[in-house]
Amino acid sequence: MKTKLTLNIDKATIEKGRRMAKREQRSLSAIVEDLLNEVIEKDSKKKKKIINELHGIAGSVPEETNWKEMIRDAAYEKHGK
């Protein structure tokens, strides 16, 4: 499902993006979406790499581990919040 999004981007950058989109015969939205997906994928790979590097130190962690919940619980334990 596509959702409309408003962004604040420098005017010159928008114009360059529009020219690029026209050259590639794509929409500016499609280009922004692809770039955002690349950043998300890169971040995900980075996190997985760190987890794999720590695997030997921390032991085995199940794939379905809810990291947000673990962090929240650790913060509550430490700070009582």
PDB file of N, CA and C in Angstrom:
ATOM      1  N   MET A   1       0.845  -1.172   0.000  1.00  0.00           N
ATOM      2  CA  MET A   1       0.000   0.000   0.000  1.00  0.00           C
ATOM      3  C   MET A   1       0.893   1.239   0.000  1.00  0.00           C
ATOM      4  N   LYS A   2       0.636   2.140  -0.902  1.00  0.00           N
ATOM      5  CA  LYS A   2       1.392   3.385  -0.987  1.00  0.00           C
ATOM      6  C   LYS A   2       0.724   4.431  -0.101  1.00  0.00           C
ATOM      7  N   THR A   3       1.539   5.254   0.548  1.00  0.00           N
ATOM      8  CA  THR A   3       1.051   6.323   1.413  1.00  0.00           C
ATOM      9  C   THR A   3       1.768   7.605   1.033  1.00  0.00           C
ATOM     10  N   LYS A   4       1.027   8.690   1.016  1.00  0.00           N
ATOM     11  CA  LYS A   4       1.603   9.988   0.691  1.00  0.00           C
ATOM     12  C   LYS A   4       2.489  10.459   1.849  1.00  0.00           C
ATOM     13  N   LEU A   5       3.601  11.098   1.505  1.00  0.00           N
ATOM     14  CA  LEU A   5       4.566  11.570   2.502  1.00  0.00           C
ATOM     15  C   LEU A   5       5.040  12.955   2.106  1.00  0.00           C
ATOM     16  N   THR A   6       5.096  13.850   3.044  1.00  0.00           N
ATOM     17  CA  THR A   6       5.619  15.192   2.789  1.00  0.00           C
ATOM     18  C   THR A   6       7.033  15.270   3.339  1.00  0.00           C
ATOM     19  N   LEU A   7       7.956  15.732   2.500  1.00  0.00           N
ATOM     20  CA  LEU A   7       9.353  15.877   2.913  1.00  0.00           C
ATOM     21  C   LEU A   7       9.797  17.315   2.708  1.00  0.00           C
ATOM     22  N   ASN A   8      10.714  17.775   3.517  1.00  0.00           N
ATOM     23  CA  ASN A   8      11.340  19.079   3.340  1.00  0.00           C
ATOM     24  C   ASN A   8      12.757  18.846   2.831  1.00  0.00           C
ATOM     25  N   ILE A   9      12.962  19.179   1.560  1.00  0.00           N
ATOM     26  CA  ILE A   9      14.246  18.958   0.907  1.00  0.00           C
ATOM     27  C   ILE A   9      14.642  20.241   0.191  1.00  0.00           C
ATOM     28  N   ASP A  10      15.921  20.542   0.216  1.00  0.00           N
ATOM     29  CA  ASP A  10      16.452  21.716  -0.449  1.00  0.00           C
ATOM     30  C   ASP A  10      15.958  21.775  -1.901  1.00  0.00           C
ATOM     31  N   LYS A  11      15.547  22.957  -2.336  1.00  0.00           N
ATOM     32  CA  LYS A  11      14.961  23.151  -3.664  1.00  0.00           C
ATOM     33  C   LYS A  11      15.906  22.682  -4.775  1.00  0.00           C
ATOM     34  N   ALA A  12      17.187  23.008  -4.663  1.00  0.00           N
ATOM     35  CA  ALA A  12      18.156  22.616  -5.684  1.00  0.00           C
ATOM     36  C   ALA A  12      18.260  21.088  -5.767  1.00  0.00           C
ATOM     37  N   THR A  13      18.211  20.427  -4.638  1.00  0.00           N
ATOM     38  CA  THR A  13      18.275  18.969  -4.611  1.00  0.00           C
ATOM     39  C   THR A  13      17.047  18.365  -5.285  1.00  0.00           C
ATOM     40  N   ILE A  14      15.899  18.950  -5.026  1.00  0.00           N
ATOM     41  CA  ILE A  14      14.660  18.477  -5.653  1.00  0.00           C
ATOM     42  C   ILE A  14      14.754  18.610  -7.172  1.00  0.00           C
ATOM     43  N   GLU A  15      15.244  19.740  -7.641  1.00  0.00           N
ATOM     44  CA  GLU A  15      15.358  19.954  -9.086  1.00  0.00           C
ATOM     45  C   GLU A  15      16.328  18.959  -9.718  1.00  0.00           C
ATOM     46  N   LYS A  16      17.446  18.711  -9.054  1.00  0.00           N
ATOM     47  CA  LYS A  16      18.398  17.721  -9.562  1.00  0.00           C
ATOM     48  C   LYS A  16      17.754  16.333  -9.594  1.00  0.00           C
ATOM     49  N   GLY A  17      17.005  16.032  -8.550  1.00  0.00           N
ATOM     50  CA  GLY A  17      16.307  14.744  -8.492  1.00  0.00           C
ATOM     51  C   GLY A  17      15.281  14.607  -9.598  1.00  0.00           C
ATOM     52  N   ARG A  18      14.551  15.674  -9.879  1.00  0.00           N
ATOM     53  CA  ARG A  18      13.554  15.642 -10.960  1.00  0.00           C
ATOM     54  C   ARG A  18      14.219  15.413 -12.315  1.00  0.00           C
ATOM     55  N   ARG A  19      15.359  16.078 -12.539  1.00  0.00           N
ATOM     56  CA  ARG A  19      16.070  15.879 -13.808  1.00  0.00           C
ATOM     57  C   ARG A  19      16.558  14.432 -13.928  1.00  0.00           C
ATOM     58  N   MET A  20      17.069  13.918 -12.835  1.00  0.00           N
ATOM     59  CA  MET A  20      17.522  12.530 -12.829  1.00  0.00           C
ATOM     60  C   MET A  20      16.360  11.585 -13.115  1.00  0.00           C
ATOM     61  N   ALA A  21      15.237  11.812 -12.463  1.00  0.00           N
ATOM     62  CA  ALA A  21      14.057  10.970 -12.654  1.00  0.00           C
ATOM     63  C   ALA A  21      13.601  11.011 -14.113  1.00  0.00           C
ATOM     64  N   LYS A  22      13.638  12.188 -14.706  1.00  0.00           N
ATOM     65  CA  LYS A  22      13.225  12.332 -16.097  1.00  0.00           C
ATOM     66  C   LYS A  22      14.161  11.541 -17.015  1.00  0.00           C
ATOM     67  N   ARG A  23      15.474  11.655 -16.775  1.00  0.00           N
ATOM     68  CA  ARG A  23      16.461  10.913 -17.567  1.00  0.00           C
ATOM     69  C   ARG A  23      16.227   9.404 -17.479  1.00  0.00           C
ATOM     70  N   GLU A  24      15.905   8.963 -16.280  1.00  0.00           N
ATOM     71  CA  GLU A  24      15.727   7.524 -16.041  1.00  0.00           C
ATOM     72  C   GLU A  24      14.298   7.062 -16.325  1.00  0.00           C
ATOM     73  N   GLN A  25      13.444   7.997 -16.705  1.00  0.00           N
ATOM     74  CA  GLN A  25      12.034   7.716 -16.980  1.00  0.00           C
ATOM     75  C   GLN A  25      11.364   7.021 -15.789  1.00  0.00           C
ATOM     76  N   ARG A  26      11.602   7.619 -14.628  1.00  0.00           N
ATOM     77  CA  ARG A  26      11.023   7.116 -13.375  1.00  0.00           C
ATOM     78  C   ARG A  26      10.459   8.307 -12.631  1.00  0.00           C
ATOM     79  N   SER A  27       9.664   8.026 -11.633  1.00  0.00           N
ATOM     80  CA  SER A  27       9.166   9.110 -10.794  1.00  0.00           C
ATOM     81  C   SER A  27      10.189   9.424  -9.710  1.00  0.00           C
ATOM     82  N   LEU A  28      10.153  10.649  -9.230  1.00  0.00           N
ATOM     83  CA  LEU A  28      11.028  11.034  -8.131  1.00  0.00           C
ATOM     84  C   LEU A  28      10.692  10.205  -6.891  1.00  0.00           C
ATOM     85  N   SER A  29       9.420   9.931  -6.698  1.00  0.00           N
ATOM     86  CA  SER A  29       9.001   9.094  -5.565  1.00  0.00           C
ATOM     87  C   SER A  29       9.645   7.712  -5.626  1.00  0.00           C
ATOM     88  N   ALA A  30       9.699   7.117  -6.829  1.00  0.00           N
ATOM     89  CA  ALA A  30      10.294   5.786  -6.976  1.00  0.00           C
ATOM     90  C   ALA A  30      11.780   5.823  -6.639  1.00  0.00           C
ATOM     91  N   ILE A  31      12.457   6.873  -7.053  1.00  0.00           N
ATOM     92  CA  ILE A  31      13.890   7.001  -6.759  1.00  0.00           C
ATOM     93  C   ILE A  31      14.105   7.145  -5.258  1.00  0.00           C
ATOM     94  N   VAL A  32      13.329   8.001  -4.607  1.00  0.00           N
ATOM     95  CA  VAL A  32      13.459   8.202  -3.153  1.00  0.00           C
ATOM     96  C   VAL A  32      13.153   6.895  -2.426  1.00  0.00           C
ATOM     97  N   GLU A  33      12.116   6.189  -2.860  1.00  0.00           N
ATOM     98  CA  GLU A  33      11.758   4.918  -2.222  1.00  0.00           C
ATOM     99  C   GLU A  33      12.891   3.902  -2.359  1.00  0.00           C
ATOM    100  N   ASP A  34      13.469   3.791  -3.560  1.00  0.00           N
ATOM    101  CA  ASP A  34      14.578   2.862  -3.767  1.00  0.00           C
ATOM    102  C   ASP A  34      15.779   3.206  -2.890  1.00  0.00           C
ATOM    103  N   LEU A  35      16.102   4.486  -2.804  1.00  0.00           N
ATOM    104  CA  LEU A  35      17.235   4.910  -1.977  1.00  0.00           C
ATOM    105  C   LEU A  35      16.984   4.625  -0.505  1.00  0.00           C
ATOM    106  N   LEU A  36      15.762   4.872  -0.038  1.00  0.00           N
ATOM    107  CA  LEU A  36      15.420   4.592   1.356  1.00  0.00           C
ATOM    108  C   LEU A  36      15.509   3.091   1.628  1.00  0.00           C
ATOM    109  N   ASN A  37      15.035   2.284   0.692  1.00  0.00           N
ATOM    110  CA  ASN A  37      15.135   0.830   0.861  1.00  0.00           C
ATOM    111  C   ASN A  37      16.589   0.376   0.903  1.00  0.00           C
ATOM    112  N   GLU A  38      17.462   0.999   0.121  1.00  0.00           N
ATOM    113  CA  GLU A  38      18.892   0.669   0.159  1.00  0.00           C
ATOM    114  C   GLU A  38      19.487   0.972   1.533  1.00  0.00           C
ATOM    115  N   VAL A  39      19.126   2.115   2.091  1.00  0.00           N
ATOM    116  CA  VAL A  39      19.629   2.508   3.415  1.00  0.00           C
ATOM    117  C   VAL A  39      19.130   1.529   4.476  1.00  0.00           C
ATOM    118  N   ILE A  40      17.859   1.157   4.390  1.00  0.00           N
ATOM    119  CA  ILE A  40      17.281   0.210   5.354  1.00  0.00           C
ATOM    120  C   ILE A  40      17.981  -1.136   5.250  1.00  0.00           C
ATOM    121  N   GLU A  41      18.203  -1.620   4.031  1.00  0.00           N
ATOM    122  CA  GLU A  41      18.871  -2.906   3.819  1.00  0.00           C
ATOM    123  C   GLU A  41      20.305  -2.863   4.346  1.00  0.00           C
ATOM    124  N   LYS A  42      21.004  -1.772   4.074  1.00  0.00           N
ATOM    125  CA  LYS A  42      22.386  -1.622   4.553  1.00  0.00           C
ATOM    126  C   LYS A  42      22.424  -1.652   6.081  1.00  0.00           C
ATOM    127  N   ASP A  43      21.475  -0.960   6.716  1.00  0.00           N
ATOM    128  CA  ASP A  43      21.409  -0.933   8.176  1.00  0.00           C
ATOM    129  C   ASP A  43      21.126  -2.328   8.724  1.00  0.00           C
ATOM    130  N   SER A  44      20.218  -3.045   8.072  1.00  0.00           N
ATOM    131  CA  SER A  44      19.874  -4.397   8.503  1.00  0.00           C
ATOM    132  C   SER A  44      21.081  -5.326   8.390  1.00  0.00           C
ATOM    133  N   LYS A  45      21.808  -5.227   7.273  1.00  0.00           N
ATOM    134  CA  LYS A  45      23.008  -6.050   7.091  1.00  0.00           C
ATOM    135  C   LYS A  45      24.062  -5.714   8.136  1.00  0.00           C
ATOM    136  N   LYS A  46      24.192  -4.427   8.460  1.00  0.00           N
ATOM    137  CA  LYS A  46      25.168  -3.992   9.458  1.00  0.00           C
ATOM    138  C   LYS A  46      24.832  -4.593  10.820  1.00  0.00           C
ATOM    139  N   LYS A  47      23.542  -4.550  11.182  1.00  0.00           N
ATOM    140  CA  LYS A  47      23.116  -5.113  12.471  1.00  0.00           C
ATOM    141  C   LYS A  47      23.358  -6.612  12.506  1.00  0.00           C
ATOM    142  N   LYS A  48      23.036  -7.306  11.409  1.00  0.00           N
ATOM    143  CA  LYS A  48      23.246  -8.756  11.358  1.00  0.00           C
ATOM    144  C   LYS A  48      24.729  -9.090  11.467  1.00  0.00           C
ATOM    145  N   LYS A  49      25.583  -8.276  10.832  1.00  0.00           N
ATOM    146  CA  LYS A  49      27.027  -8.512  10.899  1.00  0.00           C
ATOM    147  C   LYS A  49      27.512  -8.381  12.341  1.00  0.00           C
ATOM    148  N   ILE A  50      27.049  -7.357  13.031  1.00  0.00           N
ATOM    149  CA  ILE A  50      27.445  -7.158  14.434  1.00  0.00           C
ATOM    150  C   ILE A  50      26.971  -8.322  15.287  1.00  0.00           C
ATOM    151  N   ILE A  51      25.736  -8.751  15.057  1.00  0.00           N
ATOM    152  CA  ILE A  51      25.191  -9.878  15.824  1.00  0.00           C
ATOM    153  C   ILE A  51      26.019 -11.132  15.571  1.00  0.00           C
ATOM    154  N   ASN A  52      26.368 -11.370  14.310  1.00  0.00           N
ATOM    155  CA  ASN A  52      27.183 -12.551  13.990  1.00  0.00           C
ATOM    156  C   ASN A  52      28.564 -12.476  14.628  1.00  0.00           C
ATOM    157  N   GLU A  53      29.145 -11.266  14.669  1.00  0.00           N
ATOM    158  CA  GLU A  53      30.456 -11.105  15.292  1.00  0.00           C
ATOM    159  C   GLU A  53      30.388 -11.352  16.793  1.00  0.00           C
ATOM    160  N   LEU A  54      29.267 -10.977  17.392  1.00  0.00           N
ATOM    161  CA  LEU A  54      29.100 -11.168  18.835  1.00  0.00           C
ATOM    162  C   LEU A  54      28.607 -12.565  19.182  1.00  0.00           C
ATOM    163  N   HIS A  55      28.199 -13.300  18.184  1.00  0.00           N
ATOM    164  CA  HIS A  55      27.618 -14.625  18.404  1.00  0.00           C
ATOM    165  C   HIS A  55      28.509 -15.513  19.269  1.00  0.00           C
ATOM    166  N   GLY A  56      29.780 -15.548  18.943  1.00  0.00           N
ATOM    167  CA  GLY A  56      30.694 -16.387  19.709  1.00  0.00           C
ATOM    168  C   GLY A  56      30.895 -15.906  21.133  1.00  0.00           C
ATOM    169  N   ILE A  57      30.775 -14.619  21.341  1.00  0.00           N
ATOM    170  CA  ILE A  57      30.973 -14.043  22.672  1.00  0.00           C
ATOM    171  C   ILE A  57      29.740 -14.261  23.550  1.00  0.00           C
ATOM    172  N   ALA A  58      28.575 -13.971  22.980  1.00  0.00           N
ATOM    173  CA  ALA A  58      27.340 -13.996  23.757  1.00  0.00           C
ATOM    174  C   ALA A  58      26.628 -15.333  23.702  1.00  0.00           C
ATOM    175  N   GLY A  59      27.012 -16.217  22.815  1.00  0.00           N
ATOM    176  CA  GLY A  59      26.314 -17.480  22.661  1.00  0.00           C
ATOM    177  C   GLY A  59      25.226 -17.364  21.612  1.00  0.00           C
ATOM    178  N   SER A  60      24.438 -18.380  21.489  1.00  0.00           N
ATOM    179  CA  SER A  60      23.414 -18.439  20.452  1.00  0.00           C
ATOM    180  C   SER A  60      22.191 -17.607  20.836  1.00  0.00           C
ATOM    181  N   VAL A  61      21.700 -16.834  19.870  1.00  0.00           N
ATOM    182  CA  VAL A  61      20.498 -16.020  20.079  1.00  0.00           C
ATOM    183  C   VAL A  61      19.478 -16.438  19.019  1.00  0.00           C
ATOM    184  N   PRO A  62      18.263 -16.808  19.431  1.00  0.00           N
ATOM    185  CA  PRO A  62      17.253 -17.227  18.453  1.00  0.00           C
ATOM    186  C   PRO A  62      16.922 -16.112  17.467  1.00  0.00           C
ATOM    187  N   GLU A  63      16.635 -16.485  16.206  1.00  0.00           N
ATOM    188  CA  GLU A  63      16.286 -15.532  15.147  1.00  0.00           C
ATOM    189  C   GLU A  63      15.114 -14.645  15.547  1.00  0.00           C
ATOM    190  N   GLU A  64      14.135 -15.209  16.244  1.00  0.00           N
ATOM    191  CA  GLU A  64      12.916 -14.476  16.565  1.00  0.00           C
ATOM    192  C   GLU A  64      13.052 -13.578  17.808  1.00  0.00           C
ATOM    193  N   THR A  65      14.270 -13.358  18.253  1.00  0.00           N
ATOM    194  CA  THR A  65      14.503 -12.513  19.426  1.00  0.00           C
ATOM    195  C   THR A  65      13.945 -11.119  19.186  1.00  0.00           C
ATOM    196  N   ASN A  66      13.181 -10.614  20.140  1.00  0.00           N
ATOM    197  CA  ASN A  66      12.601  -9.272  20.063  1.00  0.00           C
ATOM    198  C   ASN A  66      13.570  -8.313  20.763  1.00  0.00           C
ATOM    199  N   TRP A  67      14.447  -7.711  19.943  1.00  0.00           N
ATOM    200  CA  TRP A  67      15.508  -6.863  20.493  1.00  0.00           C
ATOM    201  C   TRP A  67      14.962  -5.630  21.171  1.00  0.00           C
ATOM    202  N   LYS A  68      13.918  -5.037  20.605  1.00  0.00           N
ATOM    203  CA  LYS A  68      13.333  -3.836  21.217  1.00  0.00           C
ATOM    204  C   LYS A  68      12.830  -4.149  22.625  1.00  0.00           C
ATOM    205  N   GLU A  69      12.194  -5.293  22.766  1.00  0.00           N
ATOM    206  CA  GLU A  69      11.682  -5.689  24.073  1.00  0.00           C
ATOM    207  C   GLU A  69      12.839  -5.936  25.051  1.00  0.00           C
ATOM    208  N   MET A  70      13.890  -6.571  24.571  1.00  0.00           N
ATOM    209  CA  MET A  70      15.043  -6.833  25.436  1.00  0.00           C
ATOM    210  C   MET A  70      15.700  -5.533  25.895  1.00  0.00           C
ATOM    211  N   ILE A  71      15.832  -4.572  24.982  1.00  0.00           N
ATOM    212  CA  ILE A  71      16.429  -3.281  25.332  1.00  0.00           C
ATOM    213  C   ILE A  71      15.547  -2.537  26.323  1.00  0.00           C
ATOM    214  N   ARG A  72      14.234  -2.556  26.069  1.00  0.00           N
ATOM    215  CA  ARG A  72      13.290  -1.887  26.969  1.00  0.00           C
ATOM    216  C   ARG A  72      13.371  -2.505  28.368  1.00  0.00           C
ATOM    217  N   ASP A  73      13.399  -3.846  28.433  1.00  0.00           N
ATOM    218  CA  ASP A  73      13.478  -4.523  29.726  1.00  0.00           C
ATOM    219  C   ASP A  73      14.775  -4.205  30.449  1.00  0.00           C
ATOM    220  N   ALA A  74      15.884  -4.150  29.705  1.00  0.00           N
ATOM    221  CA  ALA A  74      17.181  -3.840  30.314  1.00  0.00           C
ATOM    222  C   ALA A  74      17.197  -2.404  30.847  1.00  0.00           C
ATOM    223  N   ALA A  75      16.609  -1.474  30.078  1.00  0.00           N
ATOM    224  CA  ALA A  75      16.543  -0.071  30.527  1.00  0.00           C
ATOM    225  C   ALA A  75      15.675   0.036  31.780  1.00  0.00           C
ATOM    226  N   TYR A  76      14.568  -0.697  31.814  1.00  0.00           N
ATOM    227  CA  TYR A  76      13.691  -0.672  32.989  1.00  0.00           C
ATOM    228  C   TYR A  76      14.429  -1.227  34.206  1.00  0.00           C
ATOM    229  N   GLU A  77      15.149  -2.320  33.979  1.00  0.00           N
ATOM    230  CA  GLU A  77      15.905  -2.938  35.071  1.00  0.00           C
ATOM    231  C   GLU A  77      16.970  -2.001  35.625  1.00  0.00           C
ATOM    232  N   LYS A  78      17.624  -1.264  34.692  1.00  0.00           N
ATOM    233  CA  LYS A  78      18.695  -0.374  35.097  1.00  0.00           C
ATOM    234  C   LYS A  78      18.176   0.938  35.695  1.00  0.00           C
ATOM    235  N   HIS A  79      17.143   1.509  35.067  1.00  0.00           N
ATOM    236  CA  HIS A  79      16.687   2.840  35.468  1.00  0.00           C
ATOM    237  C   HIS A  79      15.329   2.848  36.165  1.00  0.00           C
ATOM    238  N   GLY A  80      14.642   1.730  36.147  1.00  0.00           N
ATOM    239  CA  GLY A  80      13.322   1.680  36.776  1.00  0.00           C
ATOM    240  C   GLY A  80      12.282   2.498  36.035  1.00  0.00           C
ATOM    241  N   LYS A  81      12.453   2.656  34.714  1.00  0.00           N
ATOM    242  CA  LYS A  81      11.498   3.427  33.918  1.00  0.00           C
ATOM    243  C   LYS A  81      10.760   2.545  32.962  1.00  0.00           C
TER     244      LYS A  81
END
